[in-house]
Protein backbone atom coordinates (compact mmCIF):
# COMPACT_ATOMS: atom_id res chain seq x y z
CA MET A 1 -31.58 32.27 46.50
CA SER A 2 -33.37 35.45 45.77
CA PRO A 3 -35.67 35.76 42.53
CA ASP A 4 -33.52 38.20 41.09
CA THR A 5 -31.15 36.42 41.27
CA VAL A 6 -32.99 32.94 39.75
CA HIS A 7 -34.00 34.94 36.67
CA SER A 8 -30.24 36.04 36.12
CA ILE A 9 -29.31 32.41 36.03
CA VAL A 10 -32.77 31.44 33.71
CA ILE A 11 -31.96 34.11 31.22
CA GLY A 12 -28.01 33.21 31.45
CA LEU A 13 -29.03 29.45 30.88
CA LEU A 14 -31.13 30.19 27.65
CA THR A 15 -28.96 32.77 26.13
CA SER A 16 -25.70 30.17 26.12
CA LEU A 17 -28.80 27.43 25.09
CA ALA A 18 -29.00 29.76 21.28
CA VAL A 19 -25.33 30.13 21.28
CA VAL A 20 -24.94 26.44 21.81
CA VAL A 21 -27.52 25.99 19.08
CA ALA A 22 -26.08 28.46 16.52
CA GLY A 23 -22.80 26.72 17.40
CA ALA A 24 -24.15 23.71 16.41
CA LEU A 25 -26.00 24.39 13.24
CA ALA A 26 -22.91 26.11 11.93
CA LEU A 27 -20.45 23.44 13.02
CA HIS A 28 -22.89 21.27 10.79
CA ALA A 29 -22.86 23.68 7.98
CA LEU A 30 -19.19 23.88 7.66
CA ARG A 31 -18.26 19.83 8.34
CA ARG A 32 -16.76 19.80 5.08
CA ARG A 33 -14.47 22.41 5.52
CA SER A 34 -10.94 21.76 6.77
CA LEU A 35 -10.57 20.51 10.45
CA SER A 36 -8.62 23.86 11.46
CA VAL A 37 -12.14 25.38 11.21
CA SER A 38 -14.53 22.87 12.91
CA ILE A 39 -12.19 22.83 15.79
CA ALA A 40 -12.40 27.02 16.31
CA LEU A 41 -15.66 26.70 16.06
CA LEU A 42 -16.31 24.49 18.86
CA THR A 43 -13.47 26.50 21.12
CA LEU A 44 -15.25 30.13 20.34
CA VAL A 45 -18.87 28.14 20.95
CA PRO A 46 -18.49 27.91 24.94
CA LEU A 47 -16.58 31.30 25.29
CA VAL A 48 -19.08 33.12 22.98
CA ALA A 49 -21.76 31.45 24.82
CA ILE A 50 -20.56 32.97 28.53
CA ILE A 51 -19.90 36.46 27.34
CA ALA A 52 -23.62 36.47 25.97
CA GLY A 53 -25.05 35.06 28.78
CA VAL A 54 -23.13 37.75 31.35
CA VAL A 55 -23.63 40.71 28.53
CA ILE A 56 -27.68 39.49 28.54
CA THR A 57 -28.10 38.98 32.65
CA SER A 58 -26.04 42.65 32.87
CA GLN A 59 -29.28 43.71 30.72
CA PHE A 60 -26.20 45.72 28.26
CA MET A 61 -25.24 47.48 31.23
CA PHE A 62 -21.31 47.55 29.99
CA THR A 63 -19.73 48.77 33.35
CA ALA A 64 -15.87 49.10 34.03
CA GLU A 65 -16.16 45.90 35.41
CA LEU A 66 -17.98 43.88 32.68
CA ARG A 67 -15.53 45.98 30.06
CA ARG A 68 -12.34 44.72 31.99
CA THR A 69 -13.92 41.02 32.27
CA ALA A 70 -14.30 41.12 28.49
CA LEU A 71 -10.63 42.45 27.97
CA VAL A 72 -9.80 39.16 29.85
CA TRP A 73 -12.14 36.94 27.53
CA LEU A 74 -10.79 38.66 24.24
CA ALA A 75 -6.84 37.52 25.98
CA VAL A 76 -8.25 34.21 27.02
CA THR A 77 -9.51 33.94 22.96
CA THR A 78 -6.97 34.56 21.24
CA VAL A 79 -4.71 32.72 22.89
CA SER A 80 -7.25 29.39 23.45
CA VAL A 81 -8.40 29.32 19.99
CA PRO A 82 -5.26 29.27 18.11
CA SER A 83 -3.96 26.48 21.04
CA ALA A 84 -6.93 24.21 20.50
CA VAL A 85 -6.31 24.39 16.71
CA LEU A 86 -2.88 23.13 17.18
CA LEU A 87 -3.66 20.31 19.42
CA GLY A 88 -6.57 19.39 18.28
CA ARG A 89 -4.65 18.52 14.83
CA SER A 90 -1.95 17.23 16.56
CA ILE A 91 -4.66 14.72 17.87
CA ALA A 92 -6.36 14.41 14.56
CA ARG A 93 -3.12 13.31 13.00
CA GLN A 94 -2.10 10.96 16.09
CA SER A 95 -5.48 9.26 15.86
CA VAL A 96 -5.21 8.87 11.89
CA TRP A 97 -1.66 7.70 12.32
CA GLU A 98 -3.07 4.79 14.84
CA ARG A 99 -6.38 4.17 12.82
CA GLU A 100 -4.22 3.90 9.47
CA ALA A 101 -1.57 1.61 11.34
CA LEU A 102 -4.36 -0.65 13.07
CA GLU A 103 -5.69 -1.11 9.20
CA ARG A 104 -1.95 -1.62 7.71
CA GLU A 105 -1.49 -4.80 10.68
CA ARG A 106 -4.95 -6.41 9.83
CA SER A 107 -4.42 -6.44 6.60
CA ALA A 108 -0.58 -8.05 7.13
CA GLU A 109 -2.45 -10.21 9.48
CA ARG A 110 -5.27 -11.02 6.76
CA SER A 111 -2.24 -11.41 4.87
CA ARG A 112 -0.55 -13.96 6.59
CA ARG A 113 -3.64 -15.96 7.30
CA GLU A 114 -4.29 -15.83 3.35
CA LEU A 115 -0.48 -16.84 2.92
CA LEU A 116 -0.48 -19.69 5.23
CA ALA A 117 -3.73 -21.41 3.54
CA TRP A 118 -2.51 -21.42 0.87
CA LEU A 119 1.31 -22.49 1.28
CA SER A 120 -0.75 -25.43 3.18
CA HIS A 121 -2.05 -25.72 -0.08
CA ASP A 122 0.33 -25.50 -2.70
CA LEU A 123 3.02 -27.29 -0.47
CA ARG A 124 0.88 -30.00 0.10
CA THR A 125 0.15 -31.22 -3.43
CA PRO A 126 4.17 -31.40 -4.43
CA ILE A 127 4.98 -33.49 -1.73
CA ALA A 128 2.35 -35.65 -2.39
CA GLY A 129 3.47 -35.76 -6.01
CA VAL A 130 7.22 -37.16 -4.69
CA GLN A 131 6.19 -38.86 -2.08
CA ALA A 132 3.59 -41.14 -4.60
CA MET A 133 6.44 -41.04 -7.20
CA THR A 134 9.35 -42.47 -4.78
CA GLU A 135 6.99 -44.97 -3.58
CA ALA A 136 6.33 -46.18 -7.10
CA LEU A 137 9.67 -46.37 -7.50
CA GLY A 138 10.56 -47.92 -4.47
CA ASP A 139 7.93 -50.62 -4.83
CA GLY A 140 8.71 -51.52 -8.35
CA VAL A 141 5.90 -50.17 -9.61
CA VAL A 142 7.97 -48.36 -12.21
CA SER A 143 11.07 -50.26 -13.53
CA SER A 144 11.97 -49.78 -17.03
CA PRO A 145 14.86 -47.03 -17.57
CA GLU A 146 12.52 -44.82 -19.89
CA ASP A 147 9.91 -44.31 -16.44
CA VAL A 148 12.13 -44.40 -14.12
CA ARG A 149 14.62 -41.36 -15.61
CA ARG A 150 11.18 -39.43 -16.12
CA TYR A 151 10.04 -39.85 -12.66
CA ALA A 152 13.25 -38.55 -11.61
CA GLN A 153 12.38 -35.57 -13.78
CA LEU A 154 9.38 -34.61 -12.37
CA ILE A 155 10.82 -35.44 -8.65
CA ARG A 156 13.67 -33.11 -9.51
CA GLY A 157 11.03 -30.23 -11.15
CA GLU A 158 8.68 -30.36 -7.65
CA THR A 159 11.86 -30.15 -5.45
CA ARG A 160 13.45 -26.87 -7.52
CA ARG A 161 9.82 -25.59 -7.21
CA LEU A 162 9.56 -26.44 -3.25
CA ALA A 163 12.73 -24.88 -3.30
CA SER A 164 12.32 -22.21 -5.03
CA MET A 165 9.17 -21.42 -2.41
CA ILE A 166 11.34 -21.96 0.77
CA ASP A 167 13.69 -19.23 -0.80
CA ASP A 168 10.94 -16.92 -1.39
CA LEU A 169 9.80 -17.45 2.12
CA PHE A 170 13.18 -16.36 3.31
CA GLU A 171 13.99 -13.13 1.75
CA MET A 172 10.53 -11.85 2.77
CA SER A 173 11.08 -12.92 6.21
CA GLN A 174 14.10 -10.76 5.81
CA ILE A 175 12.32 -7.78 4.44
CA ASN A 176 9.66 -7.80 7.20
CA ALA A 177 12.66 -8.04 9.58
CA GLY A 178 14.19 -5.09 8.22
CA THR A 179 17.17 -7.13 8.00
CA LEU A 180 17.35 -7.45 4.14
CA LEU A 181 21.04 -5.48 3.22
CA LEU A 182 22.03 -4.53 -0.20
CA ASP A 183 24.79 -2.91 -2.55
CA VAL A 184 22.91 -0.35 -3.57
CA GLY A 185 25.30 2.14 -6.21
CA PRO A 186 24.93 3.24 -9.78
CA VAL A 187 23.19 0.89 -12.03
CA ALA A 188 23.11 0.84 -15.70
CA VAL A 189 19.06 0.47 -16.15
CA ASP A 190 19.34 0.25 -19.61
CA ASP A 191 21.53 -2.92 -19.18
CA VAL A 192 19.34 -4.54 -16.94
CA MET A 193 16.34 -3.82 -18.63
CA ARG A 194 18.47 -6.00 -22.08
CA SER A 195 20.07 -8.84 -19.62
CA ALA A 196 16.06 -9.34 -17.78
CA VAL A 197 14.17 -9.15 -21.80
CA ALA A 198 17.03 -11.42 -23.24
CA ALA A 199 16.18 -14.14 -19.68
CA VAL A 200 12.67 -14.20 -20.50
CA ARG A 201 12.61 -14.35 -24.02
CA PRO A 202 12.64 -18.51 -24.51
CA LEU A 203 9.52 -18.50 -22.25
CA ALA A 204 7.75 -15.96 -24.80
CA ASP A 205 8.82 -17.37 -27.62
CA GLN A 206 7.29 -20.82 -25.84
CA ARG A 207 4.19 -19.13 -25.49
CA GLY A 208 4.05 -17.30 -28.65
CA VAL A 209 4.08 -13.66 -26.82
CA SER A 210 6.00 -10.79 -28.49
CA ILE A 211 7.97 -8.93 -26.60
CA ALA A 212 8.76 -4.90 -27.52
CA VAL A 213 11.43 -2.73 -26.41
CA GLU A 214 11.01 1.14 -26.08
CA GLY A 215 13.02 3.98 -25.11
CA HIS A 216 16.88 2.86 -25.42
CA HIS A 217 18.46 5.29 -23.11
CA GLN A 218 22.45 4.18 -23.64
CA GLY A 219 23.56 5.20 -20.40
CA THR A 220 20.67 5.50 -18.12
CA LEU A 221 21.85 5.85 -14.50
CA ALA A 222 19.61 5.35 -11.38
CA VAL A 223 20.83 4.62 -7.50
CA GLY A 224 19.98 1.47 -7.16
CA ALA A 225 21.01 -2.74 -6.52
CA ALA A 226 21.37 -4.14 -10.16
CA PRO A 227 21.02 -8.05 -9.09
CA GLU A 228 17.73 -7.30 -7.32
CA LEU A 229 15.95 -4.80 -9.99
CA MET A 230 16.89 -7.85 -12.26
CA ARG A 231 15.22 -9.86 -9.90
CA VAL A 232 12.16 -7.83 -9.73
CA LEU A 233 12.10 -7.01 -13.44
CA ARG A 234 12.47 -10.49 -14.94
CA ASN A 235 9.67 -11.24 -12.02
CA LEU A 236 6.98 -8.57 -13.57
CA LEU A 237 8.44 -9.94 -17.36
CA GLY A 238 7.60 -13.37 -16.43
CA ASN A 239 3.89 -12.52 -15.10
CA ALA A 240 3.25 -10.58 -17.95
CA ILE A 241 4.09 -13.08 -20.54
CA ARG A 242 2.05 -15.55 -18.17
CA HIS A 243 -1.02 -13.82 -18.27
CA THR A 244 -0.46 -12.29 -22.24
CA PRO A 245 -2.76 -14.37 -24.73
CA GLN A 246 -1.22 -15.92 -27.36
CA SER A 247 0.53 -13.82 -30.09
CA GLY A 248 -0.11 -10.55 -27.75
CA THR A 249 2.89 -8.36 -26.47
CA VAL A 250 4.35 -7.67 -23.81
CA THR A 251 5.75 -3.84 -23.91
CA VAL A 252 8.79 -2.83 -21.30
CA SER A 253 10.17 1.25 -21.65
CA LEU A 254 12.64 3.05 -19.82
CA GLY A 255 12.52 6.88 -19.39
CA SER A 256 13.69 9.33 -17.18
CA GLU A 257 12.08 12.35 -15.41
CA ARG A 258 12.93 14.90 -13.08
CA SER A 259 15.46 13.29 -10.29
CA GLU A 260 13.93 9.67 -11.43
CA VAL A 261 14.65 7.05 -13.41
CA TRP A 262 11.38 4.45 -14.69
CA LEU A 263 10.72 1.13 -16.18
CA ARG A 264 7.40 0.14 -17.23
CA VAL A 265 6.09 -3.42 -18.01
CA SER A 266 2.87 -3.29 -20.03
CA ASP A 267 0.89 -6.62 -21.18
CA GLY A 268 -2.47 -8.16 -21.88
CA CYS A 269 -3.87 -9.37 -19.44
CA GLY A 270 -7.01 -7.88 -19.35
CA GLY A 271 -6.90 -5.70 -16.43
CA ILE A 272 -6.91 -6.15 -12.94
CA PRO A 273 -10.62 -5.67 -11.00
CA ASP A 274 -10.57 -2.11 -9.29
CA LEU A 275 -11.25 -4.01 -6.02
CA GLU A 276 -8.09 -6.11 -6.19
CA LEU A 277 -5.72 -3.01 -7.25
CA ALA A 278 -5.15 -2.07 -3.89
CA SER A 279 -3.53 -5.72 -2.98
CA VAL A 280 -1.66 -6.83 -5.94
CA PHE A 281 1.86 -6.14 -3.58
CA ASP A 282 0.55 -7.93 -0.34
CA MET A 283 1.78 -11.53 0.36
CA GLY A 284 -0.28 -14.51 -0.72
CA TYR A 285 -1.99 -12.55 -3.83
CA ARG A 286 -2.36 -14.34 -6.65
CA GLY A 287 -6.04 -13.42 -7.79
CA THR A 288 -8.10 -15.80 -9.62
CA ALA A 289 -6.63 -15.61 -13.15
CA ALA A 290 -3.19 -16.51 -11.67
CA ARG A 291 -4.40 -19.43 -9.80
CA GLU A 292 -6.21 -21.05 -13.12
CA SER A 293 -3.28 -20.32 -15.52
CA ASP A 294 -0.65 -21.88 -13.87
CA GLY A 295 -0.81 -21.84 -10.32
CA GLN A 296 2.96 -21.62 -9.77
CA GLY A 297 4.41 -20.57 -6.65
CA ALA A 298 3.36 -18.55 -3.57
CA GLY A 299 2.24 -15.03 -4.43
CA MET A 300 5.12 -13.75 -2.59
CA GLY A 301 6.58 -12.55 -6.29
CA LEU A 302 5.47 -9.29 -6.31
CA ALA A 303 5.39 -8.46 -2.33
CA ILE A 304 9.46 -9.45 -2.47
CA ALA A 305 9.43 -7.12 -5.63
CA ARG A 306 7.99 -4.16 -3.46
CA GLY A 307 10.16 -4.79 -0.16
CA LEU A 308 13.12 -5.15 -2.49
CA LEU A 309 12.57 -1.78 -4.02
CA ASP A 310 11.67 -0.35 -0.81
CA ALA A 311 15.36 -1.13 0.23
CA GLN A 312 16.26 0.83 -2.94
CA ALA A 313 14.91 4.06 -2.27
CA GLY A 314 12.46 3.12 -5.05
CA SER A 315 8.87 2.25 -5.71
CA ILE A 316 6.31 -0.03 -7.75
CA ALA A 317 2.92 1.19 -8.50
CA VAL A 318 0.29 -0.57 -11.08
CA ARG A 319 -2.53 1.01 -13.08
CA ASN A 320 -5.53 -0.72 -15.60
CA ARG A 321 -3.71 -0.12 -19.00
CA GLU A 322 -5.46 -1.46 -22.30
CA PRO A 323 -5.39 -4.30 -22.98
CA GLY A 324 -4.06 -4.92 -19.70
CA CYS A 325 -2.46 -3.53 -17.19
CA GLU A 326 0.94 -1.60 -16.93
CA PHE A 327 3.38 -1.76 -13.19
CA GLU A 328 5.63 0.98 -13.30
CA ILE A 329 9.11 0.79 -11.22
CA ARG A 330 10.57 4.10 -10.11
CA LEU A 331 13.93 4.33 -9.02
CA PRO A 332 16.12 7.81 -7.91
CA ALA A 333 18.03 8.65 -11.00
CA ALA A 334 21.98 8.78 -10.53
């Protein structure tokens, strides 16, 4: 290899290296810009490095051959840069989707493990109680009619609790399997709201909590399934009543905007920690306050509520709002 050839190669390499370094600095400076800008820059850097190396090596002698080559490079650039941007964005979207899917899968697996742990505890407690009471009855430890009647009532209550937990598990399995079929059609949301409030008012009176109803919109229609919407709303109202202190107020309101109907349930629970807001609708979520207050259920009420609303093309969300938190249901307007 002649000295001139080696000299040309070194000059070309140094020139290309300088362009690559400049491109790396530019990429670092534009790292907060859009993904398209970064991909376009990554595509242009090697092309510009090649062109600069050739031009510098030829000592800026723009011969006819170099001009033809430059035109070819220009044509290749006009095709390769947009193609690289489109392909890069497609790959990036795929990577983001896969990462989010993996995170959802991991979150679901964590929820399942926590649910199994809580179920093992919550099932063991009532079963142990029922077993102890039946053994006491069988061994004659409890024999007076009054005590037998009281034990029978306790056993009935525990079995109802177990049956409710099993029903929740079955419904959650249907939601996760996508086999839940609802009779979706026009629903008078104001009627559902009044019925749900009437159903939970005895619980509110027992706990000394007031229920305020706002936004009486007669004939407000939404597309949904009335029984399932009723269940979701009763669940939200029941939770709100249980977590609102005595003499507090639970507010349920109804309204509509654009093509949606919304229902909001506000309580006085003091708010949900920001780190837990994203987990409220996960299976097994109950939070510390919920476990200490009554410990009822397997923590699937809100997960079932979200599944039932998803099956109706609706949605549910939660946010903190003084003096507690606010759950919002949205359904398509009929």
